[in-house]
Protein backbone atom coordinates (compact mmCIF):
# COMPACT_ATOMS: atom_id res chain seq x y z
CA MET A 1 257.65 1.07 -231.60
CA ARG A 2 256.45 0.96 -227.85
CA ARG A 3 257.06 -1.96 -226.44
CA LYS A 4 254.50 -2.96 -223.98
CA ARG A 5 255.03 -3.33 -220.45
CA LYS A 6 254.97 -7.14 -219.30
CA LYS A 7 252.29 -8.19 -216.65
CA GLY A 8 254.04 -7.60 -213.29
CA GLN A 9 257.06 -5.26 -213.70
CA GLU A 10 255.40 -2.05 -212.76
CA GLY A 11 254.45 -3.89 -209.56
CA GLU A 12 257.96 -4.88 -208.86
CA ASN A 13 260.00 -2.06 -209.48
CA LEU A 14 257.43 -0.22 -206.89
CA ASP A 15 258.45 -2.99 -204.35
CA ARG A 16 262.41 -2.68 -204.87
CA TRP A 17 261.47 1.07 -204.20
CA LEU A 18 259.64 0.33 -200.94
CA LEU A 19 262.07 -1.46 -199.39
CA THR A 20 265.29 1.02 -200.36
CA TYR A 21 263.10 3.40 -198.88
CA ALA A 22 262.57 1.63 -195.47
CA ASP A 23 265.94 0.42 -195.34
CA LEU A 24 266.51 4.64 -195.55
CA ILE A 25 263.74 5.54 -192.91
CA THR A 26 265.04 2.43 -190.49
CA LEU A 27 268.90 4.24 -190.50
CA LEU A 28 267.73 7.33 -190.01
CA LEU A 29 265.51 6.23 -187.00
CA ALA A 30 269.02 4.92 -185.71
CA PHE A 31 270.91 7.50 -186.04
CA PHE A 32 268.23 9.86 -184.24
CA ILE A 33 267.75 7.38 -181.09
CA ILE A 34 271.66 7.08 -180.72
CA MET A 35 271.88 11.09 -181.03
CA TYR A 36 269.22 11.80 -178.27
CA SER A 37 270.61 8.84 -176.50
CA MET A 38 274.32 10.33 -176.42
CA SER A 39 272.49 14.25 -176.12
CA ARG A 40 273.35 14.32 -172.62
CA ILE A 41 277.08 12.63 -172.62
CA ASP A 42 280.90 14.55 -173.01
CA ALA A 43 282.50 14.81 -176.26
CA LYS A 44 284.68 12.10 -175.41
CA LYS A 45 282.12 9.31 -174.97
CA PHE A 46 280.15 11.13 -178.13
CA GLY A 47 283.41 10.20 -180.21
CA LYS A 48 283.77 6.70 -179.26
CA MET A 49 280.32 6.24 -180.08
CA ALA A 50 280.46 8.02 -183.61
CA GLU A 51 283.42 5.76 -184.02
CA ALA A 52 281.55 2.49 -183.75
CA LEU A 53 278.80 3.80 -185.90
CA ASN A 54 280.90 4.45 -188.26
CA GLY A 55 282.85 1.34 -188.68
CA ILE A 56 279.21 -0.63 -188.87
CA LEU A 57 277.76 1.95 -191.43
CA LYS A 58 280.80 1.11 -193.61
CA GLY A 59 280.29 -2.44 -193.56
CA GLY A 60 283.55 -3.36 -191.20
CA ASN A 61 284.13 -6.08 -188.35
CA ASN A 62 280.71 -6.36 -186.24
CA LEU A 63 281.92 -3.32 -183.57
CA VAL A 64 280.08 -4.27 -180.17
CA VAL A 65 280.03 -0.72 -177.60
CA LYS A 66 279.61 -1.85 -173.85
CA SER A 67 278.34 0.56 -170.94
CA THR A 68 277.67 1.10 -167.85
CA SER A 69 274.88 3.22 -166.11
CA GLU A 70 277.55 4.46 -164.08
CA ASN A 71 279.43 5.50 -167.20
CA LEU A 72 276.90 7.01 -168.75
CA THR A 73 276.38 9.79 -166.32
CA LYS A 74 279.12 10.39 -165.56
CA GLY A 75 280.11 14.10 -165.95
CA HIS A 76 276.29 14.93 -164.45
CA GLY A 77 276.62 16.88 -161.44
CA LEU A 78 280.01 18.26 -161.62
CA LEU A 79 280.47 21.68 -159.71
CA LYS A 80 281.31 24.73 -161.75
CA LEU A 81 283.06 27.62 -160.82
CA GLY A 82 280.37 29.45 -158.36
CA ASN A 83 280.36 26.03 -156.56
CA LEU A 84 283.46 25.90 -155.94
CA LYS A 85 283.46 29.60 -155.03
CA LEU A 86 281.07 28.17 -152.33
CA LEU A 87 283.47 25.30 -151.86
CA GLN A 88 286.37 27.85 -151.13
CA LYS A 89 284.92 29.71 -148.25
CA LYS A 90 283.49 26.38 -146.30
CA ILE A 91 287.59 25.34 -146.36
CA GLU A 92 289.05 28.77 -145.15
CA ALA A 93 286.52 28.81 -142.25
CA LYS A 94 286.97 25.02 -141.26
CA PHE A 95 290.94 26.05 -141.20
CA LYS A 96 290.24 29.67 -139.61
CA THR A 97 288.55 28.00 -137.42
CA LEU A 98 290.95 25.42 -136.54
CA GLY A 99 293.95 27.85 -136.27
CA LYS A 100 295.17 26.15 -139.63
CA ASN A 101 294.25 29.29 -141.52
CA GLU A 102 298.36 29.69 -142.01
CA GLU A 103 299.07 26.34 -143.44
CA LEU A 104 296.89 26.80 -146.47
CA GLU A 105 295.97 29.76 -148.86
CA THR A 106 292.72 29.36 -151.73
CA GLU A 107 292.47 31.08 -154.63
CA ILE A 108 290.36 30.39 -157.81
CA THR A 109 291.56 30.31 -161.03
CA GLU A 110 290.52 29.69 -164.66
CA ARG A 111 291.70 25.99 -163.86
CA GLY A 112 289.68 25.99 -160.80
CA LEU A 113 289.59 25.90 -157.06
CA VAL A 114 293.41 26.02 -155.79
CA ILE A 115 294.35 24.73 -152.33
CA HIS A 116 297.80 25.85 -151.90
CA ILE A 117 299.15 23.99 -148.95
CA VAL A 118 302.89 25.40 -147.54
CA GLU A 119 305.75 22.46 -147.26
CA SER A 120 306.20 22.86 -143.46
CA ALA A 121 302.48 21.48 -142.75
CA LEU A 122 303.18 18.62 -144.63
CA PHE A 123 306.80 17.41 -145.48
CA LYS A 124 310.28 18.35 -143.67
CA GLU A 125 312.84 19.71 -145.80
CA GLY A 126 314.08 17.89 -148.39
CA SER A 127 311.46 14.71 -147.87
CA ALA A 128 308.66 13.12 -149.67
CA VAL A 129 307.58 11.42 -146.58
CA LEU A 130 304.55 12.95 -145.07
CA GLU A 131 304.55 13.93 -140.91
CA PRO A 132 302.39 12.66 -138.44
CA ARG A 133 301.18 16.45 -138.52
CA ALA A 134 300.20 16.25 -142.46
CA MET A 135 297.39 13.69 -141.32
CA GLY A 136 295.14 16.78 -140.00
CA THR A 137 295.65 18.84 -142.40
CA LEU A 138 295.35 16.29 -145.78
CA ASP A 139 291.94 15.00 -143.81
CA LEU A 140 290.30 18.71 -143.63
CA VAL A 141 290.76 18.79 -147.04
CA SER A 142 289.61 15.51 -148.11
CA GLU A 143 286.52 15.36 -145.97
CA GLN A 144 285.70 18.78 -148.15
CA VAL A 145 286.52 17.39 -151.66
CA LYS A 146 286.30 13.22 -151.35
CA ASP A 147 282.51 13.31 -152.58
CA MET A 148 282.54 15.88 -155.28
CA PRO A 149 282.27 14.43 -158.86
CA ASN A 150 285.23 17.20 -160.27
CA HIS A 151 288.57 15.72 -161.11
CA ILE A 152 291.49 16.54 -158.30
CA ARG A 153 295.22 17.52 -159.49
CA VAL A 154 297.68 17.19 -156.79
CA GLU A 155 300.64 19.06 -157.94
CA GLY A 156 304.18 18.98 -156.10
CA HIS A 157 306.55 22.49 -156.44
CA THR A 158 309.51 23.34 -154.65
CA ASP A 159 311.72 26.21 -154.60
CA ASP A 160 314.77 27.07 -157.12
CA ARG A 161 318.03 25.42 -154.76
CA PRO A 162 318.92 22.60 -156.63
CA ILE A 163 318.66 18.91 -155.04
CA ARG A 164 321.00 16.07 -155.38
CA THR A 165 320.25 13.16 -153.42
CA SER A 166 319.78 9.36 -154.54
CA LEU A 167 316.22 9.21 -153.93
CA PHE A 168 316.14 13.11 -155.90
CA PRO A 169 318.10 13.66 -158.76
CA SER A 170 316.83 16.88 -159.23
CA ASN A 171 313.63 19.15 -157.86
CA TRP A 172 311.30 16.85 -160.43
CA GLU A 173 311.79 14.15 -158.76
CA LEU A 174 311.07 15.23 -155.30
CA SER A 175 307.95 17.19 -156.54
CA ALA A 176 306.32 14.40 -158.09
CA ALA A 177 307.04 12.23 -155.16
CA ARG A 178 305.73 14.57 -152.52
CA ALA A 179 302.65 14.95 -154.89
CA THR A 180 302.36 11.21 -155.93
CA GLU A 181 302.30 10.79 -151.64
CA VAL A 182 299.44 13.13 -150.98
CA VAL A 183 297.58 11.15 -153.75
CA ARG A 184 298.42 7.79 -152.15
CA TYR A 185 297.14 9.26 -149.07
CA PHE A 186 293.61 10.05 -150.48
CA ILE A 187 293.03 7.14 -152.03
CA GLY A 188 294.25 4.66 -149.35
CA ASP A 189 292.84 6.61 -146.45
CA HIS A 190 290.05 8.56 -147.57
CA LYS A 191 288.87 6.09 -150.51
CA ILE A 192 288.98 9.05 -153.23
CA SER A 193 288.43 7.30 -156.60
CA ALA A 194 292.05 6.42 -158.21
CA ASP A 195 290.28 7.90 -161.57
CA GLN A 196 289.29 11.07 -159.95
CA ILE A 197 292.84 11.91 -158.87
CA SER A 198 296.26 12.26 -160.41
CA ALA A 199 299.61 13.60 -159.49
CA LEU A 200 302.06 16.31 -161.16
CA GLY A 201 305.75 17.68 -159.91
CA TYR A 202 306.46 21.24 -161.41
CA GLY A 203 310.23 21.19 -159.37
CA GLU A 204 310.72 25.15 -159.07
CA PHE A 205 309.28 26.33 -162.90
CA ARG A 206 306.21 27.57 -161.35
CA PRO A 207 306.61 29.82 -158.02
CA VAL A 208 303.89 31.70 -156.93
CA ARG A 209 306.80 34.35 -155.38
CA PRO A 210 309.98 35.17 -156.48
CA ASN A 211 312.96 33.11 -155.32
CA ASN A 212 314.83 35.75 -153.21
CA SER A 213 314.31 35.24 -149.96
CA ILE A 214 313.64 33.27 -147.33
CA GLU A 215 310.19 33.79 -146.94
CA ASN A 216 309.37 33.92 -151.01
CA ARG A 217 310.91 30.38 -150.87
CA ALA A 218 308.87 28.83 -148.21
CA GLN A 219 305.68 29.84 -150.02
CA ASN A 220 307.21 28.40 -153.28
CA ARG A 221 307.88 24.92 -151.11
CA ARG A 222 304.31 23.71 -151.51
CA VAL A 223 301.52 21.07 -152.48
CA ASP A 224 298.92 22.63 -154.57
CA ILE A 225 295.48 20.58 -154.33
CA VAL A 226 293.39 21.65 -157.74
CA VAL A 227 289.77 21.03 -157.87
CA LEU A 228 289.21 20.98 -161.50
CA THR A 229 286.25 23.32 -163.17
CA MET A 230 283.22 21.40 -164.73
CA GLU A 231 284.67 21.72 -168.40
CA LEU A 232 288.46 20.83 -167.48
CA SER A 233 287.31 18.04 -165.70
CA LEU A 234 285.45 16.23 -168.67
CA LYS A 235 288.92 16.98 -170.78
CA GLU A 236 290.24 14.44 -168.00
CA PRO A 237 291.53 10.98 -169.14
CA THR A 238 289.36 8.43 -167.04
CA SER A 239 289.64 4.76 -167.26
CA GLN A 240 287.64 3.10 -170.31
CA LEU A 241 284.38 4.25 -170.66
CA TYR A 242 284.03 1.85 -173.47
CA SER A 243 285.69 -1.44 -174.80
CA ILE A 244 284.92 -1.61 -178.59
CA THR A 245 285.88 -5.20 -179.77
CA ALA A 246 285.69 -6.78 -183.07
CA ASP A 247 283.41 -9.97 -183.02
């Protein structure tokens, strides 16, 4: 025998269904709003936001994601490879006009614009102290690159002759110290942001010429200033763009 449905039971079930549906629509709306707001932000930031959202949806601790308008726009306006080629021509023309073109050589690689500066333009042999004449060379480079949003990587290189001093037990230390000295000058004297520039030392292990002559060794003793491509710049570690804290 069919049971009689109690009065109001059908309306009550319908109301519960509507509440579930409303919750689902709200979650979908929130999801698409976040996706839209993140559509112009690089993958690193999106990953941090996804982690925070995932924690909330799983019912974990309440997470607070903080950002600034500067952080949200970081990554916009980065120079692409074509723009770096124009920058290359400007730098070469500037050095040629001032008669310093023998100190500098440039090339475009898959990493970006590479500016090779020979050791003699910056340091005494076996030293990591910038010479007075180095300031003019670095000033010329900085004038062209300091206002760019791309990441700048300064790399120190030596030839294959070993060095063993109290300051530099090997070429690793010498090359790293030289790169760091250039970075310090760019940050201190030209106000390049510290999170936009980095220093690396490669010792004798990335020569541009075979170490079989005096001339070739002189070319290998160098500092490379690399203006990274847009893609590589976005992959560089930066200061904490988002701080995620548990309430």
